[in-house]
């Protein structure tokens, strides 16, 4: 779920981090309806703490940028 032209390489200088929170039932329903599964959908179908995102990113991020 990505492309050769959109990947991170040794010459990458900027990376935009984006996050969103969806309910587990919506993720499961969407994944099954579209027949698309990923490591992320598998993990988030089982629940994720939306507050943990900012804690993991630390001082490199701002929720208001």
C-alpha atoms as a PDB file:
ATOM      1  CA  UNK A   1       0.000   0.000   0.000  1.00  0.00           C
ATOM      2  CA  UNK A   2       2.502   2.481  -1.184  1.00  0.00           C
ATOM      3  CA  UNK A   3       4.534   3.148  -4.215  1.00  0.00           C
ATOM      4  CA  UNK A   4       8.075   3.263  -5.410  1.00  0.00           C
ATOM      5  CA  UNK A   5       7.794   7.026  -5.989  1.00  0.00           C
ATOM      6  CA  UNK A   6       6.300   7.731  -2.562  1.00  0.00           C
ATOM      7  CA  UNK A   7       8.707   5.771  -0.365  1.00  0.00           C
ATOM      8  CA  UNK A   8      11.348   7.113   2.002  1.00  0.00           C
ATOM      9  CA  UNK A   9      14.897   7.022   0.641  1.00  0.00           C
ATOM     10  CA  UNK A  10      18.323   8.237   1.725  1.00  0.00           C
ATOM     11  CA  UNK A  11      17.578  11.568   0.036  1.00  0.00           C
ATOM     12  CA  UNK A  12      14.299  12.142   1.917  1.00  0.00           C
ATOM     13  CA  UNK A  13      14.488  15.390   3.880  1.00  0.00           C
ATOM     14  CA  UNK A  14      10.924  15.867   5.159  1.00  0.00           C
ATOM     15  CA  UNK A  15       8.280  13.450   6.351  1.00  0.00           C
ATOM     16  CA  UNK A  16       4.692  14.398   7.135  1.00  0.00           C
ATOM     17  CA  UNK A  17       3.163  12.328   9.920  1.00  0.00           C
ATOM     18  CA  UNK A  18      -0.605  12.166   9.987  1.00  0.00           C
ATOM     19  CA  UNK A  19      -2.835  10.261  12.308  1.00  0.00           C
ATOM     20  CA  UNK A  20      -6.514   9.558  12.656  1.00  0.00           C
ATOM     21  CA  UNK A  21      -8.646   7.497  14.979  1.00  0.00           C
ATOM     22  CA  UNK A  22     -11.447   5.223  13.831  1.00  0.00           C
ATOM     23  CA  UNK A  23     -13.647   2.890  15.820  1.00  0.00           C
ATOM     24  CA  UNK A  24     -12.636  -0.747  15.727  1.00  0.00           C
ATOM     25  CA  UNK A  25     -15.940  -1.825  14.192  1.00  0.00           C
ATOM     26  CA  UNK A  26     -15.545   0.640  11.290  1.00  0.00           C
ATOM     27  CA  UNK A  27     -12.028  -0.579  10.532  1.00  0.00           C
ATOM     28  CA  UNK A  28     -13.112  -4.206  10.588  1.00  0.00           C
ATOM     29  CA  UNK A  29     -16.148  -3.536   8.400  1.00  0.00           C
ATOM     30  CA  UNK A  30     -14.164  -1.509   5.856  1.00  0.00           C
ATOM     31  CA  UNK A  31     -11.316  -4.025   5.689  1.00  0.00           C
ATOM     32  CA  UNK A  32     -13.697  -6.909   5.057  1.00  0.00           C
ATOM     33  CA  UNK A  33     -15.885  -4.986   2.606  1.00  0.00           C
ATOM     34  CA  UNK A  34     -12.933  -3.956   0.428  1.00  0.00           C
ATOM     35  CA  UNK A  35     -10.983  -7.227   0.833  1.00  0.00           C
ATOM     36  CA  UNK A  36      -7.938  -5.162   1.894  1.00  0.00           C
ATOM     37  CA  UNK A  37      -5.967  -6.058   4.958  1.00  0.00           C
ATOM     38  CA  UNK A  38      -2.774  -4.607   6.357  1.00  0.00           C
ATOM     39  CA  UNK A  39      -0.693  -4.818   9.499  1.00  0.00           C
ATOM     40  CA  UNK A  40      -2.359  -1.596  10.604  1.00  0.00           C
ATOM     41  CA  UNK A  41      -5.922  -2.749  10.030  1.00  0.00           C
ATOM     42  CA  UNK A  42      -5.168  -5.987  11.891  1.00  0.00           C
ATOM     43  CA  UNK A  43      -3.721  -4.059  14.834  1.00  0.00           C
ATOM     44  CA  UNK A  44      -6.398  -1.360  14.984  1.00  0.00           C
ATOM     45  CA  UNK A  45      -9.271  -3.819  14.642  1.00  0.00           C
ATOM     46  CA  UNK A  46      -8.195  -4.974  18.087  1.00  0.00           C
ATOM     47  CA  UNK A  47      -8.210  -1.500  19.608  1.00  0.00           C
ATOM     48  CA  UNK A  48      -5.718   1.334  19.898  1.00  0.00           C
ATOM     49  CA  UNK A  49      -5.265   4.188  22.323  1.00  0.00           C
ATOM     50  CA  UNK A  50      -5.681   7.473  20.404  1.00  0.00           C
ATOM     51  CA  UNK A  51      -3.770   9.372  23.110  1.00  0.00           C
ATOM     52  CA  UNK A  52      -0.727   7.149  22.644  1.00  0.00           C
ATOM     53  CA  UNK A  53      -0.041   8.648  19.206  1.00  0.00           C
ATOM     54  CA  UNK A  54       1.161  12.001  20.548  1.00  0.00           C
ATOM     55  CA  UNK A  55       3.097  10.349  23.354  1.00  0.00           C
ATOM     56  CA  UNK A  56       4.971   8.158  20.851  1.00  0.00           C
ATOM     57  CA  UNK A  57       5.803  11.069  18.556  1.00  0.00           C
ATOM     58  CA  UNK A  58       7.116  13.185  21.416  1.00  0.00           C
ATOM     59  CA  UNK A  59       8.603  16.639  20.849  1.00  0.00           C
ATOM     60  CA  UNK A  60       8.981  16.101  17.099  1.00  0.00           C
ATOM     61  CA  UNK A  61       5.302  16.773  16.588  1.00  0.00           C
ATOM     62  CA  UNK A  62       2.601  19.256  17.308  1.00  0.00           C
ATOM     63  CA  UNK A  63      -1.102  18.388  17.119  1.00  0.00           C
ATOM     64  CA  UNK A  64      -1.777  21.915  15.869  1.00  0.00           C
ATOM     65  CA  UNK A  65       0.804  22.174  13.070  1.00  0.00           C
END
